[in-house]
Amino acid sequence: MAEYEYETHEYDVVVVGAGGAAPDINGQYDVADVFGELSIPVIEDGFVAGLTIDLGARYSDYSTAGTEFTWKAGGTMEIIDGLTIRGNYQRSSRAPNIGELFAPVSTGLSNLANDPCQGPVAPTGGLLAACLLQVPAGSPGAAAVSGGTVLPPAAGQINITTGGNLALGTETAKTWTVGFAWQPDFAPGLSFTADYWNIKVDGAVSSPAVGDAIAACFNAPSGTNPFCGPTFISRNPNTGGLDGDPSNTLGLVLQQSNLGTIATDGIDVSLRYATDITDSIGLNLSFDGTWTNKNLFQATPTAINRECVGFYSVNCNPQSEFSFQQRTSVTFEDDFTLSLRWRFLSGVEQEPQDIIDNGQAFIGNSPLFGDVDFTQIPSESYFDLSFQWDVSENILFTLTAQNLFDNQPTVVGSNIGSTAFNSGNVYPSSYDTLGRRYGASIKFNF
């Protein structure tokens, strides 16, 4: 069986908060796939209640990234009625997408609290040589570097230059899972699953984090370190800083590559229970939770193997170690359902490596926010209430109240995270920033 894909994206140019226009993206690729899957029942009602082996393979030919062969092998074994153990091993792959391949090179913004070349003390030795590599010789910027008058990044923001890379290949992953599912006979309506998962991605399509680009040069600054040159760091020719006019200040050049590796593992747990309280009232409980043991990202073989679980910074978007959703629903006469959902994220704190590189984030009294501690975000809980009415067989009416208790996001300042994720002194990509809100809908089925 063959599959073909064609994809072209075009966008209007708009000015966005990342510091520049969003450029058009226009590209295409095609892919042909041949794949097959096989499920083999091995045992049924033998020394175990059941044993099944699952196999699969896929051959893919990408016009941009070449060919890939991926496969999987796994199985399930029902030890006794209601108790099943399962496992799976896969070699999988992902080809670079349209944006990763064809996005034009453009300069936007990210956050950085401190520039290694900033004054008021003029850099010397290898640091001076590294800083001068990044600015045109004889320019006012070079004089600012030598004189120690380079200012810290304005508003904690620097220029970054990113774009697609047509030379990207596929990234490959080895993943395995093992777990069990249980539906005990002694508790009708109860089911429980738990699975351990382990994922390792090699050749990850990625670009260096801001901290990685800074560390590649300034952990060993010199006039001969290639990562200190203008190919990787390009300064303002007028001020010597990493901010300013994007037409002449590329800032940090964060090129996409296949040099990254990702390693993560954890446990997923799921619980379901349904019962009748009375003849006309039913109760449904559900719980889905994840414990993330680690989430390591290494942008290049020489970069830090960065752990982001439990941390946030310009290099790590907030990632809670524990997260779950729990829902309690009560049904009345099969026509009305009242449901409360609880969303939980465990607390995170400033990445230790970011503290080493940029210093501890602000703790104290802020003129705008009062007493603050930008070094941590406590655990957060959100509650969503919904009411559904099956008006008829074809009409469903729903009322919702999201973030019922109006939980407001923790303020962390504007330069503790990357601009793409830290907006308005908070992390709207991870936390609810809209407060309590209401909705109503009617769904018709014909």
Protein backbone atom coordinates (compact mmCIF):
# COMPACT_ATOMS: atom_id res chain seq x y z
CA MET A 1 0.00 0.00 0.00
CA ALA A 2 1.50 3.36 -1.03
CA GLU A 3 0.74 6.76 0.43
CA TYR A 4 1.67 10.13 -1.05
CA GLU A 5 1.81 13.48 0.70
CA TYR A 6 2.03 16.96 -0.76
CA GLU A 7 2.18 19.97 1.52
CA THR A 8 2.52 23.67 0.76
CA HIS A 9 2.17 26.38 3.39
CA GLU A 10 1.85 30.09 2.64
CA TYR A 11 1.21 32.70 5.29
CA ASP A 12 0.63 36.43 5.20
CA VAL A 13 3.51 38.41 6.65
CA VAL A 14 2.52 39.88 10.01
CA VAL A 15 4.42 41.65 12.76
CA VAL A 16 4.46 39.49 15.85
CA GLY A 17 5.77 39.74 19.39
CA ALA A 18 8.78 37.58 18.60
CA GLY A 19 10.46 40.64 17.19
CA GLY A 20 9.88 40.51 13.44
CA ALA A 21 7.68 39.52 10.55
CA ALA A 22 6.50 35.93 10.19
CA PRO A 23 7.89 34.96 6.77
CA ASP A 24 6.11 32.92 4.10
CA ILE A 25 6.84 29.20 4.15
CA ASN A 26 6.52 27.48 0.81
CA GLY A 27 7.75 23.96 0.15
CA GLN A 28 6.74 20.43 -0.69
CA TYR A 29 7.79 16.82 -0.42
CA ASP A 30 6.36 13.44 -1.27
CA VAL A 31 6.60 10.12 0.51
CA ALA A 32 5.79 6.58 -0.52
CA ASP A 33 5.09 4.02 2.22
CA VAL A 34 4.74 0.25 2.20
CA PHE A 35 3.69 -1.24 5.50
CA GLY A 36 2.11 -4.28 7.08
CA GLU A 37 0.97 -5.51 10.48
CA LEU A 38 0.40 -8.99 11.84
CA SER A 39 -1.37 -10.14 14.99
CA ILE A 40 -0.75 -13.78 15.91
CA PRO A 41 -2.88 -15.56 18.55
CA VAL A 42 -0.48 -18.06 20.13
CA ILE A 43 -2.35 -19.41 23.15
CA GLU A 44 -6.01 -19.38 24.06
CA ASP A 45 -7.29 -21.00 27.26
CA GLY A 46 -4.00 -22.80 27.89
CA PHE A 47 -1.60 -22.44 30.81
CA VAL A 48 -2.47 -18.73 30.49
CA ALA A 49 -5.82 -17.32 29.44
CA GLY A 50 -4.37 -15.87 26.24
CA LEU A 51 -1.17 -14.88 24.45
CA THR A 52 -0.96 -12.71 21.32
CA ILE A 53 2.12 -11.51 19.42
CA ASP A 54 1.95 -8.30 17.38
CA LEU A 55 4.42 -7.46 14.59
CA GLY A 56 4.68 -4.57 12.16
CA ALA A 57 7.05 -3.06 9.60
CA ARG A 58 7.15 0.01 7.35
CA TYR A 59 9.42 1.12 4.52
CA SER A 60 9.29 4.84 3.71
CA ASP A 61 10.86 6.81 0.87
CA TYR A 62 10.96 10.59 1.41
CA SER A 63 11.90 12.85 -1.46
CA THR A 64 13.76 15.12 0.98
CA ALA A 65 15.18 12.83 3.65
CA GLY A 66 15.77 9.50 1.91
CA THR A 67 14.57 6.06 2.96
CA GLU A 68 13.76 4.59 6.36
CA PHE A 69 12.82 1.12 7.60
CA THR A 70 10.94 0.96 10.88
CA TRP A 71 9.41 -1.95 12.77
CA LYS A 72 7.73 -3.01 15.97
CA ALA A 73 7.35 -6.20 18.00
CA GLY A 74 5.17 -6.69 21.03
CA GLY A 75 2.53 -8.77 22.64
CA THR A 76 -0.12 -9.20 25.28
CA MET A 77 -0.57 -12.04 27.74
CA GLU A 78 -3.74 -12.52 29.75
CA ILE A 79 -2.48 -14.29 32.85
CA ILE A 80 -5.93 -14.81 34.32
CA ASP A 81 -9.30 -13.49 33.29
CA GLY A 82 -9.20 -9.72 33.74
CA LEU A 83 -5.43 -9.36 34.22
CA THR A 84 -3.31 -8.70 31.11
CA ILE A 85 0.36 -7.78 30.85
CA ARG A 86 1.66 -6.12 27.69
CA GLY A 87 4.87 -4.87 26.15
CA ASN A 88 6.13 -3.35 22.94
CA TYR A 89 9.45 -2.42 21.31
CA GLN A 90 9.68 -0.12 18.30
CA ARG A 91 12.19 1.43 16.00
CA SER A 92 10.40 4.52 14.70
CA SER A 93 11.33 7.59 12.71
CA ARG A 94 10.12 11.09 11.87
CA ALA A 95 11.02 13.05 8.77
CA PRO A 96 11.49 16.84 9.05
CA ASN A 97 8.31 18.79 8.36
CA ILE A 98 7.68 21.68 5.98
CA GLY A 99 8.72 24.36 8.47
CA GLU A 100 11.88 22.58 9.56
CA LEU A 101 12.92 22.18 5.94
CA PHE A 102 11.76 25.32 4.17
CA ALA A 103 11.25 28.10 6.75
CA PRO A 104 13.23 31.16 5.53
CA VAL A 105 16.04 32.40 7.72
CA SER A 106 14.64 35.20 9.91
CA THR A 107 15.63 37.08 13.03
CA GLY A 108 13.35 37.27 16.06
CA LEU A 109 13.72 37.54 19.83
CA SER A 110 14.46 35.38 22.81
CA ASN A 111 15.38 36.16 26.40
CA LEU A 112 18.77 36.44 28.08
CA ALA A 113 19.40 38.28 31.32
CA ASN A 114 23.16 38.76 30.98
CA ASP A 115 25.50 39.12 27.99
CA PRO A 116 28.97 37.64 28.70
CA CYS A 117 30.55 40.58 26.84
CA GLN A 118 28.69 43.37 28.67
CA GLY A 119 30.36 45.98 30.86
CA PRO A 120 30.97 47.87 33.01
CA VAL A 121 34.23 45.90 33.27
CA ALA A 122 35.92 45.50 29.87
CA PRO A 123 36.57 41.86 28.88
CA THR A 124 40.18 40.72 28.71
CA GLY A 125 42.19 37.80 27.39
CA GLY A 126 40.29 35.01 25.66
CA LEU A 127 36.93 36.59 26.51
CA LEU A 128 37.90 39.83 24.77
CA ALA A 129 39.12 37.90 21.73
CA ALA A 130 35.87 35.93 21.56
CA CYS A 131 33.70 39.04 21.87
CA LEU A 132 35.66 40.87 19.16
CA LEU A 133 35.20 37.92 16.78
CA GLN A 134 31.46 38.59 16.85
CA VAL A 135 31.50 42.24 15.77
CA PRO A 136 33.04 43.88 12.66
CA ALA A 137 36.61 45.04 13.21
CA GLY A 138 36.94 48.80 13.57
CA SER A 139 33.23 49.34 14.10
CA PRO A 140 31.69 51.34 16.98
CA GLY A 141 30.54 47.99 18.36
CA ALA A 142 34.10 46.73 18.55
CA ALA A 143 35.07 49.89 20.42
CA ALA A 144 32.18 49.34 22.85
CA VAL A 145 33.35 45.76 23.51
CA SER A 146 36.96 46.86 24.12
CA GLY A 147 35.87 49.77 26.29
CA GLY A 148 33.48 47.77 28.46
CA THR A 149 30.45 49.86 27.48
CA VAL A 150 28.28 47.05 26.05
CA LEU A 151 24.93 47.25 27.83
CA PRO A 152 22.94 44.29 29.16
CA PRO A 153 20.26 43.04 26.72
CA ALA A 154 17.45 45.60 26.50
CA ALA A 155 14.42 44.34 28.46
CA GLY A 156 16.29 41.05 28.86
CA GLN A 157 15.82 40.25 25.16
CA ILE A 158 18.32 39.34 22.45
CA ASN A 159 18.11 38.60 18.74
CA ILE A 160 18.07 35.00 17.56
CA THR A 161 18.23 33.87 13.95
CA THR A 162 16.48 30.68 12.93
CA GLY A 163 15.32 29.00 9.74
CA GLY A 164 14.85 25.75 7.89
CA ASN A 165 17.57 23.43 6.69
CA LEU A 166 17.14 21.45 3.46
CA ALA A 167 19.94 19.09 4.49
CA LEU A 168 17.96 17.66 7.42
CA GLY A 169 17.46 13.91 7.56
CA THR A 170 15.03 11.79 9.54
CA GLU A 171 15.31 11.41 13.28
CA THR A 172 15.08 7.87 14.67
CA ALA A 173 13.81 6.59 17.99
CA LYS A 174 13.95 3.41 20.00
CA THR A 175 10.96 3.10 22.28
CA TRP A 176 9.73 0.39 24.58
CA THR A 177 6.84 0.03 26.96
CA VAL A 178 5.75 -2.56 29.49
CA GLY A 179 2.65 -2.54 31.64
CA PHE A 180 -0.58 -4.21 32.61
CA ALA A 181 -4.36 -3.79 32.49
CA TRP A 182 -6.62 -5.09 35.26
CA GLN A 183 -10.39 -5.46 35.44
CA PRO A 184 -11.00 -7.32 38.71
CA ASP A 185 -14.04 -9.57 38.98
CA PHE A 186 -14.64 -8.52 42.58
CA ALA A 187 -15.20 -4.85 41.57
CA PRO A 188 -17.50 -4.61 38.53
CA GLY A 189 -17.05 -1.32 36.68
CA LEU A 190 -13.42 -0.88 37.84
CA SER A 191 -10.45 -0.92 35.45
CA PHE A 192 -6.83 0.02 36.05
CA THR A 193 -3.81 0.31 33.73
CA ALA A 194 -0.17 1.19 34.36
CA ASP A 195 2.58 1.42 31.75
CA TYR A 196 6.27 2.28 31.91
CA TRP A 197 7.57 4.00 28.76
CA ASN A 198 11.12 4.71 27.61
CA ILE A 199 12.00 6.80 24.54
CA LYS A 200 15.44 7.58 23.07
CA VAL A 201 15.63 9.81 19.96
CA ASP A 202 18.86 10.04 17.95
CA GLY A 203 19.50 12.52 15.18
CA ALA A 204 16.74 14.69 16.65
CA VAL A 205 15.69 17.58 14.43
CA SER A 206 16.45 20.46 16.78
CA SER A 207 18.30 23.69 17.30
CA PRO A 208 20.47 24.70 20.27
CA ALA A 209 18.83 26.34 23.25
CA VAL A 210 19.97 29.87 24.06
CA GLY A 211 22.07 28.56 26.93
CA ASP A 212 23.68 25.97 24.67
CA ALA A 213 24.75 28.58 22.12
CA ILE A 214 26.19 30.82 24.86
CA ALA A 215 27.98 27.93 26.57
CA ALA A 216 29.51 26.61 23.32
CA CYS A 217 31.51 29.81 23.07
CA PHE A 218 31.82 31.31 26.51
CA ASN A 219 32.61 28.17 28.48
CA ALA A 220 35.95 28.27 26.60
CA PRO A 221 36.14 31.76 25.08
CA SER A 222 38.98 32.44 22.67
CA GLY A 223 39.73 33.89 19.28
CA THR A 224 40.05 30.38 17.84
CA ASN A 225 36.91 28.72 19.24
CA PRO A 226 34.74 28.26 16.09
CA PHE A 227 31.54 28.58 18.13
CA CYS A 228 32.58 32.13 19.05
CA GLY A 229 32.68 33.28 15.42
CA PRO A 230 30.02 35.35 13.61
CA THR A 231 28.63 32.18 12.01
CA PHE A 232 27.18 31.35 15.41
CA ILE A 233 27.08 34.69 17.27
CA SER A 234 26.74 38.01 15.43
CA ARG A 235 26.71 41.28 17.40
CA ASN A 236 25.35 44.75 16.78
CA PRO A 237 28.01 46.69 14.82
CA ASN A 238 26.96 49.93 16.53
CA THR A 239 26.57 48.89 20.16
CA GLY A 240 28.37 45.56 20.45
CA GLY A 241 25.28 43.98 22.03
CA LEU A 242 23.16 41.03 21.00
CA ASP A 243 20.05 43.16 20.49
CA GLY A 244 19.12 45.78 17.93
CA ASP A 245 18.26 46.10 14.24
CA PRO A 246 17.74 42.57 12.83
CA SER A 247 19.08 43.72 9.45
CA ASN A 248 22.61 43.93 10.89
CA THR A 249 22.37 41.99 14.18
CA LEU A 250 21.70 38.28 13.84
CA GLY A 251 22.35 37.62 17.53
CA LEU A 252 22.55 33.92 18.28
CA VAL A 253 22.32 31.79 15.13
CA LEU A 254 20.33 28.72 16.16
CA GLN A 255 20.62 26.50 13.09
CA GLN A 256 18.42 23.41 12.74
CA SER A 257 20.37 20.15 12.59
CA ASN A 258 20.17 16.41 13.25
CA LEU A 259 22.74 16.64 16.04
CA GLY A 260 20.28 16.49 18.95
CA THR A 261 19.42 13.58 21.23
CA ILE A 262 16.38 13.22 23.48
CA ALA A 263 15.90 10.66 26.25
CA THR A 264 12.81 10.46 28.39
CA ASP A 265 10.96 7.87 30.47
CA GLY A 266 8.14 7.67 32.95
CA ILE A 267 4.93 5.93 34.00
CA ASP A 268 1.35 6.47 32.84
CA VAL A 269 -1.51 5.40 35.10
CA SER A 270 -5.20 5.25 34.22
CA LEU A 271 -8.17 4.40 36.45
CA ARG A 272 -11.86 4.07 35.57
CA TYR A 273 -14.82 3.26 37.80
CA ALA A 274 -18.53 3.33 37.01
CA THR A 275 -21.39 2.36 39.30
CA ASP A 276 -25.06 3.07 39.99
CA ILE A 277 -25.81 4.92 43.20
CA THR A 278 -29.57 4.43 42.75
CA ASP A 279 -31.74 3.24 39.89
CA SER A 280 -31.71 6.76 38.43
CA ILE A 281 -28.31 8.13 39.53
CA GLY A 282 -24.97 6.93 38.20
CA LEU A 283 -21.41 7.75 39.24
CA ASN A 284 -18.37 7.74 36.92
CA LEU A 285 -14.81 8.36 38.09
CA SER A 286 -11.71 8.62 35.91
CA PHE A 287 -8.05 9.39 36.55
CA ASP A 288 -5.19 9.78 34.06
CA GLY A 289 -1.77 10.65 35.45
CA THR A 290 1.86 10.78 34.35
CA TRP A 291 5.10 10.65 36.29
CA THR A 292 8.04 11.81 34.18
CA ASN A 293 11.30 10.43 35.50
CA LYS A 294 13.59 12.34 33.14
CA ASN A 295 13.54 14.40 29.96
CA LEU A 296 17.08 14.94 28.73
CA PHE A 297 17.90 17.08 25.70
CA GLN A 298 21.37 17.48 24.20
CA ALA A 299 21.38 19.88 21.26
CA THR A 300 24.83 18.83 19.96
CA PRO A 301 27.40 16.23 21.06
CA THR A 302 29.37 18.98 22.84
CA ALA A 303 26.36 20.64 24.51
CA ILE A 304 25.08 20.06 28.03
CA ASN A 305 22.83 17.03 28.37
CA ARG A 306 20.08 19.19 29.84
CA GLU A 307 17.52 17.85 32.31
CA CYS A 308 14.27 19.81 32.25
CA VAL A 309 11.90 17.80 34.46
CA GLY A 310 10.89 20.01 37.37
CA PHE A 311 12.56 23.11 35.92
CA TYR A 312 12.02 26.16 33.71
CA SER A 313 14.36 28.71 32.11
CA VAL A 314 15.29 30.11 28.69
CA ASN A 315 16.38 26.55 27.92
CA CYS A 316 13.51 24.57 29.48
CA ASN A 317 9.81 25.18 29.12
CA PRO A 318 8.04 24.30 32.41
CA GLN A 319 7.73 20.53 32.74
CA SER A 320 6.10 19.15 35.84
CA GLU A 321 7.31 15.86 37.25
CA PHE A 322 3.74 14.87 38.11
CA SER A 323 0.57 15.78 36.24
CA PHE A 324 -2.91 14.33 36.17
CA GLN A 325 -6.53 14.88 35.26
CA GLN A 326 -9.32 13.51 37.43
CA ARG A 327 -12.99 13.68 36.48
CA THR A 328 -16.06 12.96 38.61
CA SER A 329 -19.38 12.72 36.77
CA VAL A 330 -22.86 12.14 38.12
CA THR A 331 -25.71 11.25 35.75
CA PHE A 332 -29.40 11.70 36.51
CA GLU A 333 -32.10 9.75 34.68
CA ASP A 334 -29.61 9.25 31.81
CA ASP A 335 -30.51 12.76 30.60
CA PHE A 336 -28.46 15.06 32.83
CA THR A 337 -24.74 14.89 33.62
CA LEU A 338 -22.86 17.07 36.10
CA SER A 339 -19.09 16.75 35.78
CA LEU A 340 -16.11 18.22 37.65
CA ARG A 341 -12.61 17.93 36.17
CA TRP A 342 -9.48 18.51 38.26
CA ARG A 343 -6.25 19.35 36.38
CA PHE A 344 -3.01 19.21 38.38
CA LEU A 345 0.59 20.21 37.61
CA SER A 346 3.35 19.74 40.19
CA GLY A 347 5.64 22.66 40.99
CA VAL A 348 8.75 23.66 39.03
CA GLU A 349 11.75 25.86 39.80
CA GLN A 350 14.48 27.77 37.98
CA GLU A 351 16.85 25.44 36.15
CA PRO A 352 20.06 25.03 38.22
CA GLN A 353 22.27 25.46 35.14
CA ASP A 354 20.46 28.72 34.33
CA ILE A 355 21.26 29.97 37.83
CA ILE A 356 24.94 29.18 37.18
CA ASP A 357 24.87 30.89 33.78
CA ASN A 358 22.66 33.92 34.46
CA GLY A 359 22.27 34.14 38.22
CA GLN A 360 19.25 33.56 40.38
CA ALA A 361 16.01 35.13 39.20
CA PHE A 362 14.56 38.04 41.17
CA ILE A 363 13.20 37.55 44.69
CA GLY A 364 11.82 40.57 46.49
CA ASN A 365 9.37 43.43 46.15
CA SER A 366 8.35 44.35 42.62
CA PRO A 367 6.73 47.74 41.91
CA LEU A 368 4.25 45.99 39.60
CA PHE A 369 3.56 42.69 41.36
CA GLY A 370 4.45 43.20 45.03
CA ASP A 371 6.39 40.49 46.85
CA VAL A 372 7.50 37.91 44.29
CA ASP A 373 9.78 34.91 43.91
CA PHE A 374 10.63 34.40 40.24
CA THR A 375 12.67 31.27 41.03
CA GLN A 376 9.72 28.93 41.46
CA ILE A 377 6.20 28.14 40.29
CA PRO A 378 4.20 26.20 42.89
CA SER A 379 1.92 23.31 42.01
CA GLU A 380 -1.25 24.39 40.24
CA SER A 381 -4.77 22.97 40.30
CA TYR A 382 -7.60 23.94 37.96
CA PHE A 383 -11.22 22.85 38.28
CA ASP A 384 -13.65 22.80 35.36
CA LEU A 385 -17.39 22.30 35.89
CA SER A 386 -19.75 21.20 33.14
CA PHE A 387 -23.44 20.38 32.85
CA GLN A 388 -24.94 18.43 29.95
CA TRP A 389 -28.58 17.88 29.10
CA ASP A 390 -29.69 15.38 26.48
CA VAL A 391 -32.67 17.42 25.40
CA SER A 392 -33.62 14.75 22.86
CA GLU A 393 -32.01 12.02 20.83
CA ASN A 394 -30.60 14.63 18.45
CA ILE A 395 -29.92 17.64 20.70
CA LEU A 396 -27.24 18.00 23.40
CA PHE A 397 -27.02 21.19 25.50
CA THR A 398 -23.82 21.96 27.43
CA LEU A 399 -22.85 24.63 29.98
CA THR A 400 -19.22 24.95 31.15
CA ALA A 401 -17.26 26.96 33.70
CA GLN A 402 -13.50 26.59 33.15
CA ASN A 403 -11.01 27.44 35.88
CA LEU A 404 -13.95 27.61 38.27
CA PHE A 405 -12.01 29.15 41.16
CA ASP A 406 -10.27 31.75 38.97
CA ASN A 407 -6.73 30.46 39.63
CA GLN A 408 -4.30 33.10 38.34
CA PRO A 409 -0.87 32.20 36.91
CA THR A 410 2.31 32.69 38.90
CA VAL A 411 4.33 35.69 37.74
CA VAL A 412 7.97 34.84 36.90
CA GLY A 413 9.19 37.96 35.10
CA SER A 414 9.85 38.51 31.42
CA ASN A 415 13.36 37.09 30.97
CA ILE A 416 13.24 33.76 32.79
CA GLY A 417 11.98 31.88 29.72
CA SER A 418 12.15 31.94 25.95
CA THR A 419 9.98 34.58 24.27
CA ALA A 420 7.95 31.94 22.44
CA PHE A 421 6.70 30.47 25.74
CA ASN A 422 7.11 33.17 28.39
CA SER A 423 4.71 35.98 27.50
CA GLY A 424 3.44 38.77 29.72
CA ASN A 425 5.61 37.64 32.67
CA VAL A 426 3.87 34.25 32.79
CA TYR A 427 3.84 30.97 30.84
CA PRO A 428 0.53 30.91 28.91
CA SER A 429 1.72 27.83 27.02
CA SER A 430 1.76 25.80 30.25
CA TYR A 431 -0.65 27.51 32.65
CA ASP A 432 -4.16 28.92 32.46
CA THR A 433 -3.84 32.70 32.06
CA LEU A 434 -7.46 33.53 31.16
CA GLY A 435 -9.00 32.99 34.58
CA ARG A 436 -12.59 31.87 35.10
CA ARG A 437 -14.67 31.77 31.93
CA TYR A 438 -18.03 30.40 30.88
CA GLY A 439 -19.40 28.75 27.77
CA ALA A 440 -22.57 27.31 26.34
CA SER A 441 -23.19 25.13 23.30
CA ILE A 442 -25.91 23.19 21.54
CA LYS A 443 -25.05 20.16 19.42
CA PHE A 444 -27.45 18.87 16.79
CA ASN A 445 -27.22 15.40 15.23
CA PHE A 446 -29.09 14.63 12.02
